[in-house]
Amino acid sequence: MALVIFLTFTVVMTLPTASPQGNWGWLPRIHHAKVLGAWAWGANRADAIIVAVTRDGRVYFRADEISSAQLSGKIRECLSSGSERRVYLRVDARVRYDFVKPVLDAVRSAGVTDVSIFSRE
């Protein structure tokens, strides 16, 4: 009986679902939410380094719009004040990689190697 319930649950969880469309566009689906949720717990900290890239290529550091060139300095400033050495990156699923690459380069040049990519629904 337990095997039947487990198999039913497994099949239902793997069926494709429609992605909700909101401010962030068509967001990527997350299949292992518990694992990703554990990584994203630090994003709830007051000093979390959260960077967002919108579909049209605008870059936001926390709530302020900035350029990719300014991002490295902002991240270094946060790290010197004791922030976690991880950047939480919110990226619209429809954004071109040309807009994301400078952001990742800025994060890397700031000395951060841990990047968690997640979406907000």
N, C-alpha and C. Protein backbone atom coordinates (compact mmCIF):
# COMPACT_ATOMS: atom_id res chain seq x y z
N MET A 1 0.82 -1.20 0.00
CA MET A 1 0.00 0.00 0.00
C MET A 1 0.86 1.26 0.00
N ALA A 2 1.91 1.23 0.82
CA ALA A 2 2.80 2.39 0.88
C ALA A 2 3.50 2.61 -0.45
N LEU A 3 3.83 1.52 -1.14
CA LEU A 3 4.48 1.63 -2.44
C LEU A 3 3.56 2.29 -3.46
N VAL A 4 2.28 1.95 -3.43
CA VAL A 4 1.31 2.53 -4.35
C VAL A 4 1.17 4.02 -4.09
N ILE A 5 1.12 4.42 -2.83
CA ILE A 5 1.01 5.83 -2.49
C ILE A 5 2.27 6.57 -2.93
N PHE A 6 3.42 5.98 -2.69
CA PHE A 6 4.68 6.60 -3.08
C PHE A 6 4.75 6.79 -4.60
N LEU A 7 4.40 5.76 -5.37
CA LEU A 7 4.45 5.86 -6.82
C LEU A 7 3.44 6.87 -7.35
N THR A 8 2.26 6.92 -6.78
CA THR A 8 1.26 7.91 -7.18
C THR A 8 1.77 9.32 -6.91
N PHE A 9 2.33 9.53 -5.75
CA PHE A 9 2.87 10.84 -5.39
C PHE A 9 4.01 11.23 -6.33
N THR A 10 4.86 10.28 -6.68
CA THR A 10 5.99 10.55 -7.56
C THR A 10 5.51 10.94 -8.95
N VAL A 11 4.53 10.23 -9.47
CA VAL A 11 4.01 10.55 -10.80
C VAL A 11 3.33 11.91 -10.81
N VAL A 12 2.55 12.21 -9.81
CA VAL A 12 1.85 13.48 -9.75
C VAL A 12 2.84 14.65 -9.64
N MET A 13 3.90 14.48 -8.88
CA MET A 13 4.87 15.55 -8.69
C MET A 13 5.71 15.81 -9.94
N THR A 14 5.83 14.85 -10.85
CA THR A 14 6.64 15.02 -12.05
C THR A 14 5.84 15.46 -13.26
N LEU A 15 4.53 15.60 -13.14
CA LEU A 15 3.73 16.07 -14.26
C LEU A 15 4.06 17.53 -14.54
N PRO A 16 4.12 17.92 -15.81
CA PRO A 16 4.44 19.31 -16.13
C PRO A 16 3.32 20.24 -15.68
N THR A 17 3.70 21.37 -15.18
CA THR A 17 2.73 22.38 -14.76
C THR A 17 3.02 23.68 -15.50
N ALA A 18 2.03 24.50 -15.62
CA ALA A 18 2.21 25.80 -16.26
C ALA A 18 2.89 26.74 -15.28
N SER A 19 3.89 27.47 -15.77
CA SER A 19 4.59 28.43 -14.93
C SER A 19 3.73 29.68 -14.78
N PRO A 20 3.65 30.22 -13.57
CA PRO A 20 2.88 31.44 -13.39
C PRO A 20 3.61 32.62 -14.02
N GLN A 21 2.86 33.51 -14.60
CA GLN A 21 3.46 34.69 -15.20
C GLN A 21 3.20 35.86 -14.27
N GLY A 22 4.24 36.53 -13.88
CA GLY A 22 4.11 37.66 -12.97
C GLY A 22 5.12 38.73 -13.33
N ASN A 23 5.56 39.49 -12.35
CA ASN A 23 6.51 40.55 -12.59
C ASN A 23 7.83 40.04 -13.14
N TRP A 24 8.18 38.81 -12.83
CA TRP A 24 9.46 38.26 -13.25
C TRP A 24 9.34 37.42 -14.51
N GLY A 25 8.20 37.44 -15.18
CA GLY A 25 8.05 36.71 -16.42
C GLY A 25 7.92 35.22 -16.20
N TRP A 26 8.31 34.46 -17.20
CA TRP A 26 8.24 33.00 -17.10
C TRP A 26 9.45 32.54 -16.32
N LEU A 27 9.22 32.11 -15.11
CA LEU A 27 10.29 31.73 -14.20
C LEU A 27 10.62 30.25 -14.36
N PRO A 28 11.88 29.89 -14.15
CA PRO A 28 12.21 28.46 -14.23
C PRO A 28 11.56 27.68 -13.12
N ARG A 29 11.16 26.45 -13.42
CA ARG A 29 10.55 25.60 -12.40
C ARG A 29 11.64 25.01 -11.51
N ILE A 30 11.36 24.88 -10.24
CA ILE A 30 12.29 24.29 -9.29
C ILE A 30 11.74 22.93 -8.89
N HIS A 31 12.54 21.88 -9.09
CA HIS A 31 12.07 20.53 -8.82
C HIS A 31 12.39 20.06 -7.41
N HIS A 32 13.39 20.61 -6.79
CA HIS A 32 13.79 20.18 -5.45
C HIS A 32 13.73 21.39 -4.52
N ALA A 33 12.54 21.82 -4.22
CA ALA A 33 12.35 23.07 -3.48
C ALA A 33 12.92 23.01 -2.08
N LYS A 34 12.89 21.85 -1.44
CA LYS A 34 13.42 21.77 -0.08
C LYS A 34 14.92 22.02 -0.07
N VAL A 35 15.64 21.47 -1.02
CA VAL A 35 17.08 21.67 -1.08
C VAL A 35 17.39 23.13 -1.40
N LEU A 36 16.74 23.68 -2.43
CA LEU A 36 16.97 25.08 -2.77
C LEU A 36 16.51 26.00 -1.65
N GLY A 37 15.44 25.62 -0.97
CA GLY A 37 14.96 26.45 0.13
C GLY A 37 15.99 26.55 1.24
N ALA A 38 16.71 25.47 1.49
CA ALA A 38 17.75 25.49 2.51
C ALA A 38 18.86 26.45 2.11
N TRP A 39 19.19 26.51 0.82
CA TRP A 39 20.23 27.43 0.37
C TRP A 39 19.75 28.88 0.44
N ALA A 40 18.46 29.09 0.25
CA ALA A 40 17.93 30.44 0.18
C ALA A 40 17.58 31.02 1.54
N TRP A 41 17.75 30.25 2.63
CA TRP A 41 17.43 30.79 3.95
C TRP A 41 18.22 32.04 4.25
N GLY A 42 19.45 32.11 3.81
CA GLY A 42 20.28 33.28 4.06
C GLY A 42 19.75 34.52 3.37
N ALA A 43 18.92 34.36 2.36
CA ALA A 43 18.36 35.51 1.65
C ALA A 43 17.40 36.29 2.53
N ASN A 44 16.96 35.70 3.63
CA ASN A 44 16.06 36.40 4.55
C ASN A 44 16.81 37.27 5.55
N ARG A 45 18.13 37.17 5.56
CA ARG A 45 18.92 38.00 6.46
C ARG A 45 18.82 39.46 6.04
N ALA A 46 18.96 40.35 6.99
CA ALA A 46 18.87 41.78 6.69
C ALA A 46 20.04 42.24 5.82
N ASP A 47 21.19 41.58 5.96
CA ASP A 47 22.37 42.00 5.20
C ASP A 47 22.65 41.10 4.00
N ALA A 48 21.66 40.38 3.52
CA ALA A 48 21.84 39.48 2.38
C ALA A 48 22.17 40.28 1.13
N ILE A 49 23.05 39.72 0.32
CA ILE A 49 23.44 40.37 -0.94
C ILE A 49 22.54 39.80 -2.03
N ILE A 50 21.52 40.56 -2.39
CA ILE A 50 20.55 40.12 -3.39
C ILE A 50 20.68 41.00 -4.63
N VAL A 51 20.91 40.35 -5.76
CA VAL A 51 21.05 41.05 -7.04
C VAL A 51 19.98 40.50 -7.97
N ALA A 52 19.28 41.39 -8.65
CA ALA A 52 18.23 40.98 -9.58
C ALA A 52 18.54 41.52 -10.97
N VAL A 53 18.24 40.70 -11.98
CA VAL A 53 18.40 41.11 -13.37
C VAL A 53 17.04 40.91 -14.04
N THR A 54 16.49 42.00 -14.58
CA THR A 54 15.18 41.93 -15.21
C THR A 54 15.34 41.56 -16.68
N ARG A 55 14.22 41.31 -17.32
CA ARG A 55 14.23 40.86 -18.71
C ARG A 55 14.89 41.88 -19.64
N ASP A 56 14.71 43.16 -19.35
CA ASP A 56 15.29 44.18 -20.21
C ASP A 56 16.73 44.53 -19.83
N GLY A 57 17.34 43.77 -18.92
CA GLY A 57 18.75 43.94 -18.60
C GLY A 57 19.06 44.88 -17.47
N ARG A 58 18.05 45.41 -16.80
CA ARG A 58 18.31 46.29 -15.66
C ARG A 58 18.80 45.46 -14.48
N VAL A 59 19.77 46.00 -13.76
CA VAL A 59 20.38 45.32 -12.63
C VAL A 59 20.00 46.06 -11.36
N TYR A 60 19.54 45.30 -10.36
CA TYR A 60 19.16 45.87 -9.07
C TYR A 60 20.02 45.24 -7.98
N PHE A 61 20.60 46.08 -7.15
CA PHE A 61 21.30 45.62 -5.96
C PHE A 61 20.40 45.95 -4.79
N ARG A 62 19.88 44.89 -4.16
CA ARG A 62 18.81 45.02 -3.17
C ARG A 62 17.65 45.75 -3.82
N ALA A 63 17.36 46.98 -3.48
CA ALA A 63 16.21 47.67 -4.09
C ALA A 63 16.63 48.79 -5.04
N ASP A 64 17.94 49.01 -5.19
CA ASP A 64 18.43 50.14 -5.98
C ASP A 64 18.92 49.67 -7.34
N GLU A 65 18.54 50.41 -8.38
CA GLU A 65 19.03 50.09 -9.72
C GLU A 65 20.44 50.62 -9.87
N ILE A 66 21.36 49.76 -10.33
CA ILE A 66 22.75 50.16 -10.52
C ILE A 66 23.26 49.57 -11.83
N SER A 67 24.46 49.97 -12.21
CA SER A 67 25.08 49.38 -13.40
C SER A 67 25.93 48.18 -12.98
N SER A 68 26.26 47.34 -13.93
CA SER A 68 27.08 46.17 -13.63
C SER A 68 28.47 46.59 -13.16
N ALA A 69 28.96 47.73 -13.64
CA ALA A 69 30.28 48.20 -13.25
C ALA A 69 30.33 48.60 -11.77
N GLN A 70 29.24 49.08 -11.22
CA GLN A 70 29.18 49.50 -9.82
C GLN A 70 28.95 48.32 -8.87
N LEU A 71 28.51 47.21 -9.40
CA LEU A 71 28.10 46.08 -8.57
C LEU A 71 29.25 45.50 -7.75
N SER A 72 30.42 45.36 -8.35
CA SER A 72 31.56 44.78 -7.65
C SER A 72 31.91 45.57 -6.39
N GLY A 73 31.91 46.89 -6.50
CA GLY A 73 32.21 47.74 -5.34
C GLY A 73 31.17 47.62 -4.24
N LYS A 74 29.90 47.54 -4.63
CA LYS A 74 28.82 47.40 -3.65
C LYS A 74 28.93 46.08 -2.90
N ILE A 75 29.27 45.01 -3.64
CA ILE A 75 29.40 43.71 -3.00
C ILE A 75 30.57 43.70 -2.03
N ARG A 76 31.71 44.28 -2.45
CA ARG A 76 32.88 44.36 -1.55
C ARG A 76 32.55 45.14 -0.28
N GLU A 77 31.79 46.20 -0.45
CA GLU A 77 31.38 47.03 0.70
C GLU A 77 30.54 46.21 1.69
N CYS A 78 29.63 45.41 1.16
CA CYS A 78 28.80 44.56 2.03
C CYS A 78 29.63 43.49 2.72
N LEU A 79 30.56 42.89 1.98
CA LEU A 79 31.40 41.85 2.57
C LEU A 79 32.28 42.41 3.69
N SER A 80 32.75 43.64 3.53
CA SER A 80 33.60 44.24 4.57
C SER A 80 32.80 44.56 5.83
N SER A 81 31.48 44.71 5.69
CA SER A 81 30.66 44.98 6.86
C SER A 81 30.09 43.72 7.50
N GLY A 82 30.51 42.54 7.00
CA GLY A 82 30.13 41.29 7.66
C GLY A 82 29.03 40.49 7.03
N SER A 83 28.66 40.78 5.80
CA SER A 83 27.62 40.00 5.12
C SER A 83 28.12 38.60 4.78
N GLU A 84 27.17 37.71 4.57
CA GLU A 84 27.48 36.34 4.17
C GLU A 84 28.19 36.36 2.81
N ARG A 85 29.16 35.49 2.60
CA ARG A 85 29.92 35.46 1.35
C ARG A 85 29.17 34.67 0.27
N ARG A 86 27.93 35.01 0.05
CA ARG A 86 27.08 34.38 -0.95
C ARG A 86 26.20 35.47 -1.56
N VAL A 87 26.03 35.38 -2.87
CA VAL A 87 25.16 36.31 -3.58
C VAL A 87 23.92 35.55 -4.02
N TYR A 88 22.76 36.13 -3.75
CA TYR A 88 21.49 35.55 -4.17
C TYR A 88 21.06 36.29 -5.43
N LEU A 89 20.97 35.56 -6.53
CA LEU A 89 20.72 36.16 -7.83
C LEU A 89 19.31 35.80 -8.30
N ARG A 90 18.51 36.82 -8.55
CA ARG A 90 17.17 36.65 -9.11
C ARG A 90 17.24 37.07 -10.57
N VAL A 91 16.94 36.14 -11.45
CA VAL A 91 17.04 36.40 -12.88
C VAL A 91 15.75 36.01 -13.55
N ASP A 92 15.23 36.90 -14.38
CA ASP A 92 14.05 36.58 -15.18
C ASP A 92 14.42 35.46 -16.14
N ALA A 93 13.53 34.50 -16.32
CA ALA A 93 13.82 33.34 -17.17
C ALA A 93 13.98 33.73 -18.63
N ARG A 94 13.45 34.87 -19.03
CA ARG A 94 13.53 35.28 -20.43
C ARG A 94 14.67 36.24 -20.72
N VAL A 95 15.51 36.53 -19.73
CA VAL A 95 16.60 37.46 -19.94
C VAL A 95 17.69 36.80 -20.77
N ARG A 96 18.34 37.59 -21.61
CA ARG A 96 19.44 37.07 -22.42
C ARG A 96 20.69 36.95 -21.56
N TYR A 97 21.49 35.95 -21.89
CA TYR A 97 22.71 35.72 -21.13
C TYR A 97 23.67 36.90 -21.23
N ASP A 98 23.57 37.67 -22.29
CA ASP A 98 24.42 38.86 -22.45
C ASP A 98 24.23 39.85 -21.30
N PHE A 99 23.05 39.87 -20.69
CA PHE A 99 22.78 40.76 -19.57
C PHE A 99 23.24 40.16 -18.24
N VAL A 100 23.28 38.83 -18.15
CA VAL A 100 23.63 38.16 -16.91
C VAL A 100 25.15 38.01 -16.76
N LYS A 101 25.85 37.83 -17.86
CA LYS A 101 27.30 37.59 -17.81
C LYS A 101 28.06 38.72 -17.10
N PRO A 102 27.81 40.01 -17.39
CA PRO A 102 28.53 41.05 -16.66
C PRO A 102 28.25 41.04 -15.16
N VAL A 103 27.04 40.64 -14.78
CA VAL A 103 26.70 40.56 -13.36
C VAL A 103 27.51 39.45 -12.70
N LEU A 104 27.56 38.28 -13.34
CA LEU A 104 28.35 37.18 -12.78
C LEU A 104 29.83 37.52 -12.74
N ASP A 105 30.33 38.24 -13.75
CA ASP A 105 31.73 38.68 -13.74
C ASP A 105 32.00 39.64 -12.59
N ALA A 106 31.06 40.54 -12.32
CA ALA A 106 31.22 41.49 -11.21
C ALA A 106 31.21 40.77 -9.87
N VAL A 107 30.35 39.77 -9.73
CA VAL A 107 30.30 38.98 -8.49
C VAL A 107 31.62 38.25 -8.30
N ARG A 108 32.12 37.66 -9.35
CA ARG A 108 33.38 36.93 -9.28
C ARG A 108 34.54 37.87 -8.97
N SER A 109 34.56 39.06 -9.58
CA SER A 109 35.66 40.00 -9.32
C SER A 109 35.61 40.57 -7.91
N ALA A 110 34.44 40.50 -7.26
CA ALA A 110 34.33 40.94 -5.87
C ALA A 110 34.84 39.88 -4.91
N GLY A 111 35.14 38.69 -5.42
CA GLY A 111 35.69 37.63 -4.59
C GLY A 111 34.66 36.66 -4.06
N VAL A 112 33.46 36.67 -4.60
CA VAL A 112 32.41 35.76 -4.16
C VAL A 112 32.32 34.61 -5.16
N THR A 113 32.37 33.38 -4.64
CA THR A 113 32.26 32.21 -5.51
C THR A 113 30.94 31.47 -5.31
N ASP A 114 30.22 31.75 -4.23
CA ASP A 114 28.94 31.10 -3.97
C ASP A 114 27.81 31.98 -4.48
N VAL A 115 27.10 31.49 -5.48
CA VAL A 115 25.97 32.22 -6.05
C VAL A 115 24.77 31.28 -6.04
N SER A 116 23.69 31.72 -5.42
CA SER A 116 22.44 30.96 -5.42
C SER A 116 21.47 31.67 -6.34
N ILE A 117 20.99 30.95 -7.34
CA ILE A 117 20.03 31.52 -8.29
C ILE A 117 18.66 31.00 -7.92
N PHE A 118 17.73 31.92 -7.67
CA PHE A 118 16.38 31.51 -7.35
C PHE A 118 15.40 32.54 -7.87
N SER A 119 14.15 32.18 -7.87
CA SER A 119 13.13 33.06 -8.45
C SER A 119 12.08 33.39 -7.40
N ARG A 120 11.42 34.49 -7.63
CA ARG A 120 10.34 34.91 -6.76
C ARG A 120 9.05 34.79 -7.55
N GLU A 121 8.08 34.11 -6.97
CA GLU A 121 6.80 33.96 -7.67
C GLU A 121 5.75 34.84 -7.07
